[in-house]
Amino acid sequence: MAAKIFIDGEAGTTGLQLRDRLAGRRDFEILSIAPDKRKDPLERKRLLNAADVAILCLPDEAAKESVSLIENDTTKVIDASTAHRVADGWTYGFAEMDRDQSKQIAGAMRVSNPGCWPQGGIATLRPLISAGLIPADFPVIAYGISGYSGGGPIDDRRL
């Protein structure tokens, strides 16, 4: 039986791009919400609990709400927001972060989006810290310029 995937927020930019990339695949089934039910918490709850994997393409508060609607221990969640980026019980979705990270992601029930800004800093600093070339508490300032949607903190707990 094919795994069922529900993209919560499939009508937004990220959800549309993800759905487009998954279109035509035969190794899983995409569960879809009717356009008039997108804001209906009962229908979202039904689909979230029917899915083997829920991908949240939502603003932070809506992503938190979606997770609260899951009542089983079988739906795996991938959150594309920043809501669970450093939350307890969530696996940081940056496979290249260290040697075992991809295994942790593969086995996780909850995976958070690492975000592009934190990934850049972590990818640069973590190897230097791991090699003992700079101390973990070294005061690093990462300066960058981005558009409206590009911001996001580098969490020093991931270094």
N, C-alpha and C. Protein backbone atom coordinates (compact mmCIF):
# COMPACT_ATOMS: atom_id res chain seq x y z
N MET A 1 0.84 -1.18 0.00
CA MET A 1 0.00 0.00 0.00
C MET A 1 0.88 1.25 0.00
N ALA A 2 0.54 2.21 -0.83
CA ALA A 2 1.33 3.44 -0.96
C ALA A 2 1.15 4.34 0.25
N ALA A 3 2.21 4.97 0.67
CA ALA A 3 2.15 5.93 1.77
C ALA A 3 1.28 7.11 1.35
N LYS A 4 0.59 7.70 2.33
CA LYS A 4 -0.26 8.86 2.07
C LYS A 4 0.41 10.11 2.61
N ILE A 5 0.47 11.13 1.75
CA ILE A 5 1.09 12.40 2.10
C ILE A 5 0.04 13.50 2.02
N PHE A 6 -0.03 14.32 3.09
CA PHE A 6 -0.91 15.48 3.10
C PHE A 6 -0.05 16.73 3.20
N ILE A 7 -0.21 17.64 2.25
CA ILE A 7 0.50 18.92 2.28
C ILE A 7 -0.47 19.95 2.85
N ASP A 8 -0.28 20.29 4.11
CA ASP A 8 -1.14 21.28 4.74
C ASP A 8 -0.61 22.66 4.36
N GLY A 9 -1.38 23.38 3.59
CA GLY A 9 -0.93 24.65 3.04
C GLY A 9 -0.57 24.51 1.57
N GLU A 10 -1.16 23.52 0.90
CA GLU A 10 -0.81 23.24 -0.50
C GLU A 10 -1.19 24.36 -1.45
N ALA A 11 -2.02 25.32 -1.03
CA ALA A 11 -2.42 26.42 -1.92
C ALA A 11 -1.45 27.59 -1.86
N GLY A 12 -0.51 27.58 -0.93
CA GLY A 12 0.49 28.65 -0.84
C GLY A 12 1.67 28.37 -1.75
N THR A 13 2.59 29.30 -1.81
CA THR A 13 3.74 29.20 -2.70
C THR A 13 4.54 27.92 -2.48
N THR A 14 4.94 27.66 -1.24
CA THR A 14 5.74 26.47 -0.94
C THR A 14 4.94 25.21 -1.22
N GLY A 15 3.68 25.18 -0.79
CA GLY A 15 2.84 24.01 -1.00
C GLY A 15 2.62 23.72 -2.47
N LEU A 16 2.40 24.76 -3.26
CA LEU A 16 2.21 24.57 -4.70
C LEU A 16 3.47 24.02 -5.36
N GLN A 17 4.63 24.55 -4.97
CA GLN A 17 5.89 24.07 -5.55
C GLN A 17 6.14 22.62 -5.16
N LEU A 18 5.86 22.29 -3.92
CA LEU A 18 6.07 20.93 -3.46
C LEU A 18 5.12 19.96 -4.17
N ARG A 19 3.87 20.35 -4.26
CA ARG A 19 2.88 19.50 -4.94
C ARG A 19 3.29 19.29 -6.40
N ASP A 20 3.78 20.33 -7.05
CA ASP A 20 4.22 20.23 -8.44
C ASP A 20 5.39 19.25 -8.57
N ARG A 21 6.32 19.30 -7.62
CA ARG A 21 7.48 18.40 -7.66
C ARG A 21 7.09 16.95 -7.42
N LEU A 22 6.04 16.75 -6.65
CA LEU A 22 5.60 15.38 -6.35
C LEU A 22 4.61 14.82 -7.37
N ALA A 23 4.08 15.68 -8.22
CA ALA A 23 3.08 15.26 -9.20
C ALA A 23 3.62 14.15 -10.10
N GLY A 24 2.77 13.18 -10.37
CA GLY A 24 3.15 12.10 -11.26
C GLY A 24 3.86 10.94 -10.59
N ARG A 25 4.22 11.07 -9.33
CA ARG A 25 4.87 9.97 -8.61
C ARG A 25 3.82 8.90 -8.31
N ARG A 26 4.21 7.66 -8.38
CA ARG A 26 3.30 6.54 -8.15
C ARG A 26 3.62 5.79 -6.85
N ASP A 27 4.68 6.20 -6.17
CA ASP A 27 5.08 5.48 -4.97
C ASP A 27 4.40 5.98 -3.69
N PHE A 28 3.53 6.97 -3.82
CA PHE A 28 2.72 7.43 -2.69
C PHE A 28 1.47 8.10 -3.22
N GLU A 29 0.53 8.33 -2.31
CA GLU A 29 -0.73 8.99 -2.64
C GLU A 29 -0.76 10.35 -1.96
N ILE A 30 -1.13 11.38 -2.70
CA ILE A 30 -1.26 12.72 -2.12
C ILE A 30 -2.71 12.92 -1.70
N LEU A 31 -2.90 13.20 -0.42
CA LEU A 31 -4.23 13.56 0.09
C LEU A 31 -4.41 15.05 -0.12
N SER A 32 -5.56 15.44 -0.62
CA SER A 32 -5.78 16.85 -0.92
C SER A 32 -7.03 17.35 -0.21
N ILE A 33 -7.00 18.57 0.22
CA ILE A 33 -8.15 19.18 0.88
C ILE A 33 -8.91 20.01 -0.16
N ALA A 34 -10.21 19.96 -0.08
CA ALA A 34 -11.04 20.75 -0.98
C ALA A 34 -10.80 22.24 -0.72
N PRO A 35 -10.73 23.06 -1.76
CA PRO A 35 -10.45 24.48 -1.57
C PRO A 35 -11.36 25.18 -0.55
N ASP A 36 -12.63 24.81 -0.51
CA ASP A 36 -13.56 25.45 0.43
C ASP A 36 -13.39 24.93 1.86
N LYS A 37 -12.53 23.93 2.08
CA LYS A 37 -12.32 23.36 3.42
C LYS A 37 -10.92 23.67 3.96
N ARG A 38 -10.14 24.46 3.22
CA ARG A 38 -8.76 24.73 3.62
C ARG A 38 -8.64 25.29 5.04
N LYS A 39 -9.60 26.08 5.46
CA LYS A 39 -9.54 26.70 6.80
C LYS A 39 -10.37 25.92 7.83
N ASP A 40 -10.96 24.81 7.41
CA ASP A 40 -11.82 24.00 8.29
C ASP A 40 -10.95 23.09 9.16
N PRO A 41 -10.87 23.36 10.47
CA PRO A 41 -9.98 22.57 11.33
C PRO A 41 -10.38 21.09 11.40
N LEU A 42 -11.65 20.79 11.29
CA LEU A 42 -12.07 19.39 11.35
C LEU A 42 -11.60 18.61 10.12
N GLU A 43 -11.67 19.23 8.95
CA GLU A 43 -11.20 18.56 7.73
C GLU A 43 -9.68 18.45 7.73
N ARG A 44 -9.01 19.49 8.18
CA ARG A 44 -7.56 19.42 8.28
C ARG A 44 -7.15 18.33 9.27
N LYS A 45 -7.84 18.28 10.40
CA LYS A 45 -7.56 17.25 11.41
C LYS A 45 -7.75 15.85 10.82
N ARG A 46 -8.82 15.65 10.08
CA ARG A 46 -9.08 14.35 9.47
C ARG A 46 -7.93 13.95 8.54
N LEU A 47 -7.50 14.87 7.69
CA LEU A 47 -6.44 14.57 6.73
C LEU A 47 -5.07 14.41 7.41
N LEU A 48 -4.79 15.24 8.40
CA LEU A 48 -3.53 15.12 9.13
C LEU A 48 -3.42 13.75 9.80
N ASN A 49 -4.53 13.26 10.34
CA ASN A 49 -4.53 11.97 11.02
C ASN A 49 -4.62 10.79 10.07
N ALA A 50 -5.06 11.03 8.84
CA ALA A 50 -5.12 9.97 7.83
C ALA A 50 -3.79 9.81 7.10
N ALA A 51 -2.92 10.80 7.20
CA ALA A 51 -1.66 10.81 6.46
C ALA A 51 -0.58 9.99 7.17
N ASP A 52 0.27 9.39 6.37
CA ASP A 52 1.49 8.78 6.91
C ASP A 52 2.54 9.87 7.13
N VAL A 53 2.53 10.86 6.23
CA VAL A 53 3.44 12.00 6.33
C VAL A 53 2.64 13.28 6.08
N ALA A 54 2.76 14.23 6.99
CA ALA A 54 2.16 15.56 6.80
C ALA A 54 3.29 16.55 6.61
N ILE A 55 3.20 17.32 5.53
CA ILE A 55 4.18 18.36 5.26
C ILE A 55 3.47 19.69 5.49
N LEU A 56 3.98 20.47 6.43
CA LEU A 56 3.34 21.72 6.81
C LEU A 56 3.99 22.88 6.06
N CYS A 57 3.24 23.50 5.19
CA CYS A 57 3.71 24.66 4.41
C CYS A 57 2.86 25.84 4.85
N LEU A 58 3.05 26.23 6.08
CA LEU A 58 2.17 27.19 6.75
C LEU A 58 2.98 28.21 7.54
N PRO A 59 2.34 29.33 7.90
CA PRO A 59 2.97 30.25 8.85
C PRO A 59 3.13 29.54 10.21
N ASP A 60 4.00 30.07 11.04
CA ASP A 60 4.34 29.42 12.31
C ASP A 60 3.14 29.03 13.17
N GLU A 61 2.24 29.96 13.42
CA GLU A 61 1.11 29.66 14.31
C GLU A 61 0.20 28.59 13.72
N ALA A 62 -0.02 28.62 12.41
CA ALA A 62 -0.84 27.60 11.76
C ALA A 62 -0.14 26.24 11.81
N ALA A 63 1.18 26.22 11.70
CA ALA A 63 1.93 24.97 11.80
C ALA A 63 1.78 24.38 13.20
N LYS A 64 1.85 25.20 14.21
CA LYS A 64 1.66 24.73 15.59
C LYS A 64 0.25 24.17 15.77
N GLU A 65 -0.73 24.86 15.19
CA GLU A 65 -2.10 24.37 15.27
C GLU A 65 -2.23 23.01 14.59
N SER A 66 -1.63 22.85 13.42
CA SER A 66 -1.71 21.58 12.71
C SER A 66 -1.15 20.43 13.54
N VAL A 67 0.00 20.66 14.16
CA VAL A 67 0.61 19.62 15.00
C VAL A 67 -0.33 19.27 16.15
N SER A 68 -1.01 20.27 16.71
CA SER A 68 -1.92 20.00 17.83
C SER A 68 -3.14 19.20 17.39
N LEU A 69 -3.45 19.18 16.10
CA LEU A 69 -4.60 18.44 15.59
C LEU A 69 -4.29 16.95 15.37
N ILE A 70 -3.03 16.59 15.39
CA ILE A 70 -2.65 15.19 15.16
C ILE A 70 -2.83 14.42 16.46
N GLU A 71 -3.67 13.40 16.39
CA GLU A 71 -4.01 12.63 17.59
C GLU A 71 -3.43 11.22 17.60
N ASN A 72 -2.61 10.89 16.63
CA ASN A 72 -2.04 9.55 16.59
C ASN A 72 -0.53 9.64 16.75
N ASP A 73 0.10 8.48 16.85
CA ASP A 73 1.57 8.46 16.95
C ASP A 73 2.20 7.86 15.69
N THR A 74 1.45 7.94 14.58
CA THR A 74 1.95 7.35 13.33
C THR A 74 2.20 8.38 12.23
N THR A 75 1.59 9.56 12.31
CA THR A 75 1.79 10.57 11.28
C THR A 75 3.13 11.26 11.49
N LYS A 76 4.01 11.10 10.52
CA LYS A 76 5.29 11.82 10.55
C LYS A 76 5.05 13.23 10.04
N VAL A 77 5.76 14.20 10.58
CA VAL A 77 5.55 15.60 10.22
C VAL A 77 6.87 16.22 9.77
N ILE A 78 6.79 16.93 8.65
CA ILE A 78 7.90 17.76 8.17
C ILE A 78 7.36 19.18 8.16
N ASP A 79 7.96 20.04 8.96
CA ASP A 79 7.47 21.42 9.09
C ASP A 79 8.38 22.38 8.35
N ALA A 80 7.84 23.04 7.33
CA ALA A 80 8.62 23.99 6.53
C ALA A 80 8.68 25.38 7.16
N SER A 81 7.97 25.59 8.26
CA SER A 81 7.99 26.90 8.92
C SER A 81 9.18 26.98 9.88
N THR A 82 9.23 28.05 10.65
CA THR A 82 10.25 28.17 11.69
C THR A 82 9.70 27.78 13.06
N ALA A 83 8.44 27.38 13.14
CA ALA A 83 7.76 27.14 14.41
C ALA A 83 8.44 26.10 15.29
N HIS A 84 8.97 25.06 14.69
CA HIS A 84 9.55 23.96 15.47
C HIS A 84 11.05 23.80 15.22
N ARG A 85 11.66 24.82 14.69
CA ARG A 85 13.06 24.73 14.26
C ARG A 85 13.98 24.24 15.36
N VAL A 86 13.80 24.68 16.56
CA VAL A 86 14.67 24.27 17.67
C VAL A 86 13.85 23.69 18.82
N ALA A 87 12.65 23.20 18.53
CA ALA A 87 11.77 22.68 19.57
C ALA A 87 12.21 21.29 20.03
N ASP A 88 12.02 21.02 21.31
CA ASP A 88 12.30 19.69 21.84
C ASP A 88 11.42 18.67 21.13
N GLY A 89 11.98 17.51 20.87
CA GLY A 89 11.24 16.44 20.23
C GLY A 89 11.25 16.51 18.71
N TRP A 90 11.86 17.56 18.15
CA TRP A 90 11.95 17.72 16.70
C TRP A 90 13.40 17.50 16.27
N THR A 91 13.55 16.88 15.12
CA THR A 91 14.87 16.65 14.56
C THR A 91 15.17 17.74 13.55
N TYR A 92 16.32 18.32 13.68
CA TYR A 92 16.74 19.42 12.80
C TYR A 92 17.02 18.86 11.41
N GLY A 93 16.33 19.35 10.41
CA GLY A 93 16.36 18.79 9.07
C GLY A 93 17.52 19.21 8.20
N PHE A 94 18.70 19.23 8.73
CA PHE A 94 19.91 19.58 7.98
C PHE A 94 20.81 18.34 7.96
N ALA A 95 20.63 17.52 6.93
CA ALA A 95 21.30 16.21 6.86
C ALA A 95 22.82 16.31 6.90
N GLU A 96 23.36 17.36 6.36
CA GLU A 96 24.82 17.51 6.30
C GLU A 96 25.42 18.09 7.57
N MET A 97 24.61 18.33 8.58
CA MET A 97 25.09 18.98 9.79
C MET A 97 26.17 18.14 10.49
N ASP A 98 25.97 16.84 10.56
CA ASP A 98 27.01 15.96 11.07
C ASP A 98 26.80 14.55 10.55
N ARG A 99 27.68 13.69 10.89
CA ARG A 99 27.74 12.33 10.33
C ARG A 99 26.45 11.54 10.50
N ASP A 100 25.77 11.65 11.62
CA ASP A 100 24.58 10.85 11.90
C ASP A 100 23.25 11.58 11.67
N GLN A 101 23.31 12.81 11.21
CA GLN A 101 22.09 13.60 11.09
C GLN A 101 21.09 13.02 10.10
N SER A 102 21.55 12.51 8.97
CA SER A 102 20.62 11.95 7.99
C SER A 102 19.90 10.72 8.54
N LYS A 103 20.58 9.92 9.35
CA LYS A 103 19.93 8.77 10.00
C LYS A 103 18.88 9.25 11.00
N GLN A 104 19.20 10.30 11.74
CA GLN A 104 18.24 10.85 12.69
C GLN A 104 16.99 11.36 11.97
N ILE A 105 17.19 12.05 10.85
CA ILE A 105 16.07 12.57 10.07
C ILE A 105 15.22 11.42 9.55
N ALA A 106 15.86 10.40 9.00
CA ALA A 106 15.14 9.26 8.42
C ALA A 106 14.27 8.55 9.46
N GLY A 107 14.72 8.51 10.70
CA GLY A 107 13.98 7.82 11.75
C GLY A 107 13.07 8.70 12.57
N ALA A 108 13.04 9.99 12.29
CA ALA A 108 12.30 10.94 13.13
C ALA A 108 10.80 10.97 12.79
N MET A 109 10.01 11.24 13.80
CA MET A 109 8.57 11.47 13.61
C MET A 109 8.30 12.94 13.33
N ARG A 110 9.17 13.81 13.77
CA ARG A 110 9.00 15.25 13.59
C ARG A 110 10.32 15.83 13.08
N VAL A 111 10.26 16.48 11.90
CA VAL A 111 11.46 17.07 11.30
C VAL A 111 11.19 18.55 11.04
N SER A 112 12.10 19.40 11.52
CA SER A 112 11.94 20.84 11.34
C SER A 112 12.81 21.33 10.18
N ASN A 113 12.36 22.40 9.57
CA ASN A 113 13.07 23.04 8.46
C ASN A 113 14.26 23.82 9.02
N PRO A 114 15.46 23.54 8.54
CA PRO A 114 16.60 24.28 9.06
C PRO A 114 16.67 25.72 8.59
N GLY A 115 16.10 26.05 7.46
CA GLY A 115 16.16 27.42 6.95
C GLY A 115 17.49 27.72 6.30
N CYS A 116 17.48 28.58 5.30
CA CYS A 116 18.70 28.84 4.53
C CYS A 116 19.73 29.65 5.32
N TRP A 117 19.29 30.64 6.07
CA TRP A 117 20.25 31.46 6.82
C TRP A 117 20.95 30.64 7.90
N PRO A 118 20.24 29.92 8.73
CA PRO A 118 20.94 29.11 9.73
C PRO A 118 21.86 28.06 9.10
N GLN A 119 21.43 27.45 8.00
CA GLN A 119 22.26 26.45 7.36
C GLN A 119 23.61 27.02 6.94
N GLY A 120 23.60 28.21 6.40
CA GLY A 120 24.85 28.83 5.98
C GLY A 120 25.81 28.99 7.14
N GLY A 121 25.30 29.52 8.23
CA GLY A 121 26.15 29.71 9.41
C GLY A 121 26.62 28.40 10.02
N ILE A 122 25.69 27.46 10.14
CA ILE A 122 26.04 26.16 10.73
C ILE A 122 27.04 25.42 9.84
N ALA A 123 26.81 25.43 8.54
CA ALA A 123 27.71 24.73 7.62
C ALA A 123 29.12 25.31 7.66
N THR A 124 29.22 26.58 7.95
CA THR A 124 30.52 27.23 8.03
C THR A 124 31.17 27.02 9.40
N LEU A 125 30.40 27.19 10.46
CA LEU A 125 30.98 27.20 11.80
C LEU A 125 31.11 25.83 12.46
N ARG A 126 30.15 24.95 12.25
CA ARG A 126 30.17 23.67 12.96
C ARG A 126 31.46 22.86 12.70
N PRO A 127 31.92 22.73 11.46
CA PRO A 127 33.18 21.99 11.25
C PRO A 127 34.37 22.63 11.97
N LEU A 128 34.39 23.95 12.02
CA LEU A 128 35.49 24.64 12.71
C LEU A 128 35.44 24.39 14.22
N ILE A 129 34.23 24.38 14.77
CA ILE A 129 34.06 24.11 16.20
C ILE A 129 34.40 22.65 16.49
N SER A 130 33.86 21.73 15.65
CA SER A 130 34.13 20.29 15.84
C SER A 130 35.62 19.98 15.77
N ALA A 131 36.34 20.67 14.92
CA ALA A 131 37.78 20.46 14.78
C ALA A 131 38.59 21.16 15.87
N GLY A 132 37.91 21.92 16.74
CA GLY A 132 38.60 22.63 17.80
C GLY A 132 39.34 23.87 17.34
N LEU A 133 39.02 24.34 16.14
CA LEU A 133 39.71 25.52 15.61
C LEU A 133 39.17 26.82 16.19
N ILE A 134 37.90 26.82 16.57
CA ILE A 134 37.33 27.95 17.31
C ILE A 134 36.46 27.39 18.43
N PRO A 135 36.40 28.09 19.57
CA PRO A 135 35.57 27.60 20.67
C PRO A 135 34.08 27.77 20.35
N ALA A 136 33.27 26.88 20.93
CA ALA A 136 31.82 26.90 20.69
C ALA A 136 31.18 28.21 21.14
N ASP A 137 31.77 28.89 22.10
CA ASP A 137 31.20 30.14 22.59
C ASP A 137 31.84 31.38 21.96
N PHE A 138 32.60 31.19 20.89
CA PHE A 138 33.24 32.31 20.21
C PHE A 138 32.16 33.25 19.65
N PRO A 139 32.28 34.55 19.92
CA PRO A 139 31.23 35.50 19.47
C PRO A 139 31.33 35.80 17.97
N VAL A 140 30.52 35.11 17.20
CA VAL A 140 30.51 35.27 15.74
C VAL A 140 29.35 36.17 15.35
N ILE A 141 29.62 37.07 14.44
CA ILE A 141 28.56 37.91 13.87
C ILE A 141 28.48 37.56 12.39
N ALA A 142 27.28 37.18 11.96
CA ALA A 142 27.07 36.86 10.55
C ALA A 142 26.20 37.97 9.97
N TYR A 143 26.78 38.76 9.10
CA TYR A 143 26.07 39.88 8.50
C TYR A 143 25.57 39.47 7.13
N GLY A 144 24.33 39.78 6.85
CA GLY A 144 23.79 39.46 5.55
C GLY A 144 22.63 40.37 5.21
N ILE A 145 22.31 40.42 3.97
CA ILE A 145 21.18 41.23 3.50
C ILE A 145 20.23 40.30 2.78
N SER A 146 18.95 40.46 3.07
CA SER A 146 17.97 39.57 2.46
C SER A 146 16.68 40.34 2.18
N GLY A 147 15.85 39.71 1.41
CA GLY A 147 14.51 40.25 1.20
C GLY A 147 13.63 39.94 2.40
N TYR A 148 12.39 40.27 2.30
CA TYR A 148 11.43 40.15 3.39
C TYR A 148 11.38 38.75 3.99
N SER A 149 11.37 37.71 3.16
CA SER A 149 11.15 36.36 3.67
C SER A 149 12.43 35.63 4.05
N GLY A 150 13.58 36.25 3.92
CA GLY A 150 14.84 35.52 4.10
C GLY A 150 15.39 35.48 5.50
N GLY A 151 14.81 36.19 6.43
CA GLY A 151 15.38 36.25 7.76
C GLY A 151 15.20 34.99 8.57
N GLY A 152 15.96 34.82 9.58
CA GLY A 152 15.85 33.68 10.48
C GLY A 152 17.09 33.60 11.34
N PRO A 153 16.91 33.29 12.62
CA PRO A 153 18.05 33.26 13.54
C PRO A 153 18.90 32.02 13.36
N ILE A 154 20.19 32.15 13.64
CA ILE A 154 21.07 31.00 13.76
C ILE A 154 21.03 30.61 15.22
N ASP A 155 20.57 29.42 15.49
CA ASP A 155 20.45 28.97 16.88
C ASP A 155 21.77 28.33 17.31
N ASP A 156 22.40 28.90 18.32
CA ASP A 156 23.70 28.40 18.74
C ASP A 156 23.61 27.02 19.38
N ARG A 157 22.42 26.52 19.69
CA ARG A 157 22.30 25.16 20.21
C ARG A 157 22.58 24.14 19.13
N ARG A 158 22.55 24.55 17.85
CA ARG A 158 22.80 23.62 16.75
C ARG A 158 24.26 23.60 16.33
N LEU A 159 25.08 24.46 16.92
CA LEU A 159 26.50 24.50 16.60
C LEU A 159 27.20 23.54 17.45
